[in-house]
Protein backbone atom coordinates (compact mmCIF):
# COMPACT_ATOMS: atom_id res chain seq x y z
CA MET A 1 22.80 118.13 201.36
CA PHE A 2 24.34 121.55 200.98
CA GLU A 3 27.32 121.67 203.88
CA GLU A 4 25.93 124.81 205.66
CA ALA A 5 23.07 122.73 206.68
CA GLN A 6 25.54 120.49 209.24
CA LEU A 7 26.79 123.81 211.24
CA TYR A 8 22.72 122.96 213.16
CA ALA A 9 22.43 120.29 215.45
CA PRO A 10 19.84 118.04 214.69
CA VAL A 11 16.28 118.97 217.49
CA THR A 12 13.82 116.59 216.95
CA ARG A 13 10.77 116.48 218.51
CA SER A 14 8.40 113.81 220.52
CA GLY A 15 4.66 115.19 222.23
CA ASP A 16 5.84 117.57 224.28
CA ASP A 17 9.97 116.93 224.20
CA VAL A 18 12.69 119.22 222.09
CA THR A 19 15.54 116.96 221.75
CA VAL A 20 18.57 118.86 220.29
CA HIS A 21 21.43 116.57 219.60
CA LEU A 22 24.24 118.38 220.90
CA ALA A 23 27.51 116.43 218.13
CA ALA A 24 29.67 114.16 220.46
CA ASP A 25 32.35 117.43 220.36
CA HIS A 26 30.18 120.52 220.69
CA PRO A 27 32.16 122.23 224.16
CA GLY A 28 28.67 121.59 225.79
CA ALA A 29 27.83 118.15 225.29
CA VAL A 30 28.62 116.69 228.52
CA ASP A 31 26.68 119.82 230.75
CA PRO A 32 22.96 117.96 231.30
CA GLU A 33 21.92 122.07 232.52
CA TYR A 34 23.96 123.54 229.00
CA ARG A 35 21.45 120.52 227.50
CA ALA A 36 18.28 121.62 229.27
CA ARG A 37 18.17 124.80 228.17
CA ARG A 38 19.19 124.33 224.31
CA ASN A 39 16.32 122.02 224.28
CA GLU A 40 14.29 124.37 226.68
CA ILE A 41 14.86 126.82 223.89
CA ALA A 42 14.78 125.16 221.03
CA ALA A 43 11.06 124.25 222.07
CA LEU A 44 10.74 127.88 222.27
CA ALA A 45 10.61 128.83 219.07
CA MET A 46 9.32 125.14 217.35
CA ASP A 47 6.01 126.14 219.89
CA TRP A 48 5.78 130.14 217.94
CA GLN A 49 3.57 130.67 215.43
CA PRO A 50 4.07 132.59 212.75
CA GLY A 51 2.68 136.67 213.22
CA THR A 52 2.96 136.70 215.96
CA PRO A 53 6.00 138.08 217.76
CA PRO A 54 9.28 135.92 218.78
CA PRO A 55 9.31 134.27 221.80
CA THR A 56 10.92 135.82 225.18
CA ALA A 57 13.88 134.18 225.97
CA THR A 58 15.02 133.79 229.97
CA TYR A 59 18.70 134.37 230.20
CA THR A 60 20.75 132.44 232.72
CA ASP A 61 23.44 135.61 234.30
CA ALA A 62 25.99 132.46 232.55
CA GLU A 63 24.87 132.67 229.69
CA GLN A 64 24.34 137.22 230.03
CA GLU A 65 28.76 136.80 230.87
CA VAL A 66 28.93 135.30 227.54
CA TRP A 67 27.62 137.33 225.86
CA ARG A 68 29.10 140.34 227.79
CA ILE A 69 32.72 138.93 227.14
CA ALA A 70 31.60 138.06 223.71
CA CYS A 71 30.59 141.81 222.52
CA ALA A 72 33.34 143.81 223.32
CA GLU A 73 36.39 141.65 222.36
CA LEU A 74 34.21 141.49 218.50
CA HIS A 75 33.66 145.04 220.06
CA LYS A 76 37.80 145.73 219.55
CA LEU A 77 38.28 143.70 216.54
CA HIS A 78 35.13 145.23 214.69
CA ARG A 79 36.66 148.64 214.80
CA ARG A 80 40.45 148.16 212.89
CA LEU A 81 39.01 144.51 210.22
CA ALA A 82 35.24 145.68 210.32
CA CYS A 83 34.30 147.47 206.42
CA ALA A 84 32.19 150.77 206.95
CA ALA A 85 29.49 149.96 206.04
CA TYR A 86 29.65 146.84 209.07
CA LEU A 87 30.66 150.10 211.58
CA GLU A 88 27.54 152.48 210.27
CA GLY A 89 24.84 149.33 211.15
CA ARG A 90 26.37 149.10 214.51
CA GLU A 91 25.92 152.86 215.39
CA ARG A 92 22.43 153.01 213.53
CA LEU A 93 21.18 149.85 215.11
CA GLN A 94 22.87 150.80 218.74
CA LEU A 95 22.47 146.95 220.13
CA PRO A 96 22.96 146.24 224.25
CA GLU A 97 26.29 145.03 224.91
CA ASP A 98 25.97 144.81 228.85
CA HIS A 99 22.76 142.62 227.80
CA ILE A 100 21.66 139.84 225.47
CA PRO A 101 18.39 141.69 223.51
CA GLN A 102 15.39 140.14 222.98
CA LEU A 103 14.39 139.46 219.63
CA VAL A 104 11.45 140.63 219.39
CA ASP A 105 14.18 144.10 221.31
CA VAL A 106 16.05 143.80 218.47
CA ASN A 107 13.11 144.20 215.39
CA THR A 108 11.95 147.32 218.39
CA MET A 109 15.17 148.53 216.70
CA LEU A 110 16.38 147.21 213.84
CA ARG A 111 12.59 147.04 211.94
CA PRO A 112 12.33 151.06 212.06
CA LEU A 113 15.25 151.42 210.10
CA THR A 114 15.30 148.89 206.77
CA GLY A 115 11.79 147.10 207.28
CA PHE A 116 14.16 143.89 208.63
CA GLN A 117 12.92 141.38 211.59
CA TYR A 118 13.36 138.55 213.50
CA VAL A 119 11.50 135.54 213.80
CA PRO A 120 12.79 132.40 215.93
CA ALA A 121 14.34 129.76 214.47
CA ALA A 122 14.92 126.03 216.58
CA GLY A 123 18.09 125.32 214.14
CA LEU A 124 18.35 124.25 210.85
CA VAL A 125 15.36 126.27 208.77
CA PRO A 126 15.15 124.81 205.10
CA LEU A 127 17.44 126.57 201.93
CA ARG A 128 15.48 127.16 200.38
CA GLU A 129 12.86 128.87 202.77
CA PHE A 130 15.66 131.26 204.99
CA TYR A 131 17.27 132.50 202.15
CA GLY A 132 13.13 132.63 200.45
CA PHE A 133 11.95 134.87 203.65
CA LEU A 134 14.71 137.41 203.25
CA ALA A 135 13.34 139.14 199.95
CA ASP A 136 10.23 140.37 202.28
CA GLY A 137 12.56 141.43 205.23
CA ILE A 138 12.04 138.88 207.58
CA PHE A 139 15.82 136.46 209.13
CA HIS A 140 15.58 133.42 210.41
CA SER A 141 17.43 132.57 214.19
CA THR A 142 18.52 130.88 216.28
CA GLN A 143 17.51 132.21 220.35
CA TYR A 144 20.37 130.55 221.77
CA LEU A 145 23.87 131.25 223.44
CA ARG A 146 27.41 129.19 223.27
CA HIS A 147 28.68 127.76 226.35
CA HIS A 148 29.76 129.20 228.85
CA SER A 149 32.79 126.96 229.06
CA VAL A 150 34.51 128.95 225.36
CA PRO A 151 33.01 133.09 225.34
CA LEU A 152 34.21 133.44 223.01
CA TYR A 153 34.11 130.02 220.19
CA THR A 154 30.78 128.00 218.40
CA PRO A 155 30.68 125.03 216.64
CA GLU A 156 26.71 125.85 215.36
CA PRO A 157 25.92 130.23 214.75
CA ASP A 158 24.44 131.14 218.06
CA LEU A 159 22.50 134.63 218.92
CA ILE A 160 25.70 136.13 218.62
CA HIS A 161 26.44 135.51 214.91
CA GLU A 162 22.53 136.08 213.59
CA VAL A 163 22.80 139.26 216.12
CA VAL A 164 26.03 140.63 216.29
CA GLY A 165 27.42 139.26 212.80
CA HIS A 166 24.09 139.86 210.43
CA GLY A 167 21.53 142.10 212.71
CA ASN A 168 24.13 144.28 212.02
CA CYS A 169 24.74 144.78 208.38
CA LEU A 170 20.80 144.85 208.27
CA ALA A 171 20.97 148.12 209.96
CA HIS A 172 22.80 149.37 206.84
CA ASP A 173 21.07 149.53 203.95
CA ARG A 174 23.33 148.80 201.15
CA PHE A 175 23.38 145.70 203.52
CA ALA A 176 20.08 145.24 203.32
CA GLY A 177 19.04 145.54 200.04
CA LEU A 178 21.98 142.86 199.43
CA TYR A 179 20.05 140.62 201.54
CA ARG A 180 16.06 141.27 199.79
CA LEU A 181 18.13 140.90 196.38
CA ALA A 182 19.12 137.08 198.02
CA GLY A 183 15.76 136.23 199.33
CA GLN A 184 14.87 137.40 196.04
CA ALA A 185 17.38 135.20 193.35
CA ALA A 186 16.40 132.08 195.85
CA ARG A 187 12.51 131.90 194.68
CA ARG A 188 13.55 132.89 191.39
CA VAL A 189 15.74 129.26 190.53
CA GLU A 190 13.57 125.92 190.89
CA THR A 191 16.43 123.25 190.66
CA ALA A 192 18.12 122.32 193.55
CA GLU A 193 21.22 122.89 191.04
CA ALA A 194 20.66 126.84 191.04
CA LEU A 195 19.38 127.08 194.88
CA GLU A 196 22.64 125.41 196.74
CA PHE A 197 25.17 127.81 193.47
CA ILE A 198 23.11 130.79 194.30
CA SER A 199 23.53 130.42 199.12
CA LYS A 200 27.56 129.39 198.31
CA VAL A 201 27.32 132.69 196.66
CA PHE A 202 26.01 134.02 199.65
CA TRP A 203 28.36 132.34 202.11
CA PHE A 204 31.82 133.29 200.04
CA SER A 205 30.37 136.63 200.31
CA LEU A 206 27.85 137.85 202.81
CA GLU A 207 28.83 135.34 205.30
CA PHE A 208 33.13 135.33 204.51
CA GLY A 209 33.78 138.02 202.38
CA VAL A 210 36.30 140.67 202.80
CA VAL A 211 36.65 144.09 201.24
CA ARG A 212 39.92 146.62 200.38
CA GLU A 213 39.41 149.61 202.61
CA HIS A 214 41.65 151.93 201.84
CA GLY A 215 44.47 150.35 200.97
CA GLU A 216 43.83 147.15 204.07
CA VAL A 217 41.66 144.43 204.14
CA ARG A 218 38.78 144.51 205.95
CA THR A 219 35.52 142.28 206.12
CA TYR A 220 31.85 141.87 205.42
CA GLY A 221 31.16 138.53 206.35
CA ALA A 222 28.35 138.02 208.95
CA GLY A 223 30.62 134.35 209.19
CA LEU A 224 33.90 136.23 210.27
CA LEU A 225 32.67 139.17 212.10
CA SER A 226 30.34 136.20 214.27
CA SER A 227 34.58 135.10 214.89
CA TYR A 228 36.61 136.33 216.82
CA GLY A 229 39.65 133.85 215.98
CA GLU A 230 38.59 133.64 212.24
CA ILE A 231 38.14 137.56 211.57
CA GLN A 232 42.04 137.25 212.06
CA GLN A 233 43.60 135.56 210.32
CA ILE A 234 41.11 136.73 206.51
CA GLU A 235 44.90 138.20 205.78
CA GLN A 236 46.17 134.91 205.61
CA ALA A 237 42.94 133.05 203.96
CA ASP A 238 44.13 132.70 199.23
CA LEU A 239 42.27 136.06 198.80
CA ARG A 240 41.49 135.79 195.83
CA ALA A 241 38.76 138.41 193.20
CA LEU A 242 34.89 138.69 193.26
CA ASP A 243 33.83 136.20 190.64
CA VAL A 244 30.58 134.54 191.32
CA GLY A 245 31.45 131.61 188.58
CA ARG A 246 34.18 130.88 191.38
CA MET A 247 32.92 130.80 194.65
CA GLY A 248 29.23 129.40 193.30
CA VAL A 249 31.32 125.73 192.89
CA GLN A 250 34.34 126.33 195.77
CA THR A 251 34.23 123.59 197.95
CA TYR A 252 35.32 124.70 202.17
CA ASP A 253 35.21 122.89 204.99
CA ILE A 254 33.08 123.73 208.05
CA THR A 255 35.09 123.06 210.74
CA HIS A 256 38.59 124.62 209.77
CA TYR A 257 39.40 127.99 208.53
CA GLN A 258 38.45 129.24 205.02
CA PRO A 259 40.64 129.07 203.38
CA VAL A 260 40.24 131.17 200.43
CA LEU A 261 37.84 134.13 200.74
CA PHE A 262 37.20 136.33 197.71
CA CYS A 263 37.24 140.23 197.82
CA ALA A 264 36.01 142.92 196.57
CA GLU A 265 38.03 146.78 195.22
CA GLY A 266 35.59 148.45 197.49
CA PHE A 267 31.98 148.46 198.82
CA ASP A 268 30.39 149.39 195.03
CA GLU A 269 31.68 146.29 193.79
CA ILE A 270 30.36 143.39 195.69
CA GLU A 271 27.07 145.33 194.68
CA ASP A 272 27.84 145.25 190.92
CA VAL A 273 29.15 141.48 190.96
CA VAL A 274 27.11 140.13 194.06
CA GLY A 275 23.80 142.10 193.93
CA ALA A 276 23.67 141.83 190.09
CA PHE A 277 24.27 138.20 190.14
CA PHE A 278 21.15 138.02 193.05
CA ALA A 279 18.79 140.67 190.81
CA ASP A 280 19.46 138.47 187.73
CA VAL A 281 20.11 134.99 188.67
CA ASP A 282 18.17 132.35 187.06
CA ASP A 283 18.27 128.52 186.14
CA ASP A 284 19.73 128.96 182.76
CA MET A 285 22.54 130.94 184.00
CA VAL A 286 23.35 128.56 186.93
CA GLU A 287 23.87 126.25 184.37
CA ARG A 288 25.39 128.43 182.21
CA LEU A 289 28.01 129.07 184.88
CA LEU A 290 28.36 125.17 185.96
CA HIS A 291 28.83 124.37 183.20
CA ASP A 292 31.74 126.78 182.01
CA ALA A 293 33.62 125.89 185.88
CA SER A 294 33.88 122.28 184.52
CA ALA A 295 35.03 123.55 180.55
CA PRO A 296 39.09 122.77 181.01
CA THR A 297 41.47 125.26 180.90
């Protein structure tokens, strides 16, 4: 299984009972109230019917406080570490930072800007479905919040990652274009190897990509933009030139800060290299890139 799948706690259903299987070391694993909340929110997504508005989740005071703390602290970091396009997207979207927005409210703000909208996900969405739907301007999003004991940390993508990280990107036309191209690429290829290659390029760009602006390293990846700790470590990473051939075979450990990041020399290069790859990639191209990566140097 592709490594990204391990980010999400498995979700099962037996009759009317929905269970999110948190790992033993998850901050909320021994909190029965949190576990019940996770089950409840996952059930909302599993009961949702395509074509209807996203379900409304009733958030607790503790969850509202988590949102406020995380947004305030990330906002400070974004001022000096986020790329210009992300900051422009944030200004366009105007997400509330004093309370948790419902996905339906985010859609009302986002759809007029770039045509993107959110639909709910209980947890892991199969790669082909998750990426493929980006071509239609649809982003699958979780609705749960990280545990209140660690408001600045989550071992899995939560609503802060999905909306603060990705949503502000999706509010900018240049980002939205890249996401759509990624979705078209996922639908174009047929082999599992090609799909995994595309997903890794997405990982090292739109999730964990960095870019030089005015001589400083900034981030444009939603995984970094939503991580209080990791965004502050980007200059300590092994920064490598943008190279989709290397990105598609680069291994990583999701349990640690990424030691290798690929750095673009401006947003134009992201579009010229990553965007062009998404626009042109097919199974034959990936086969050639994999062959080149395995050839002795």
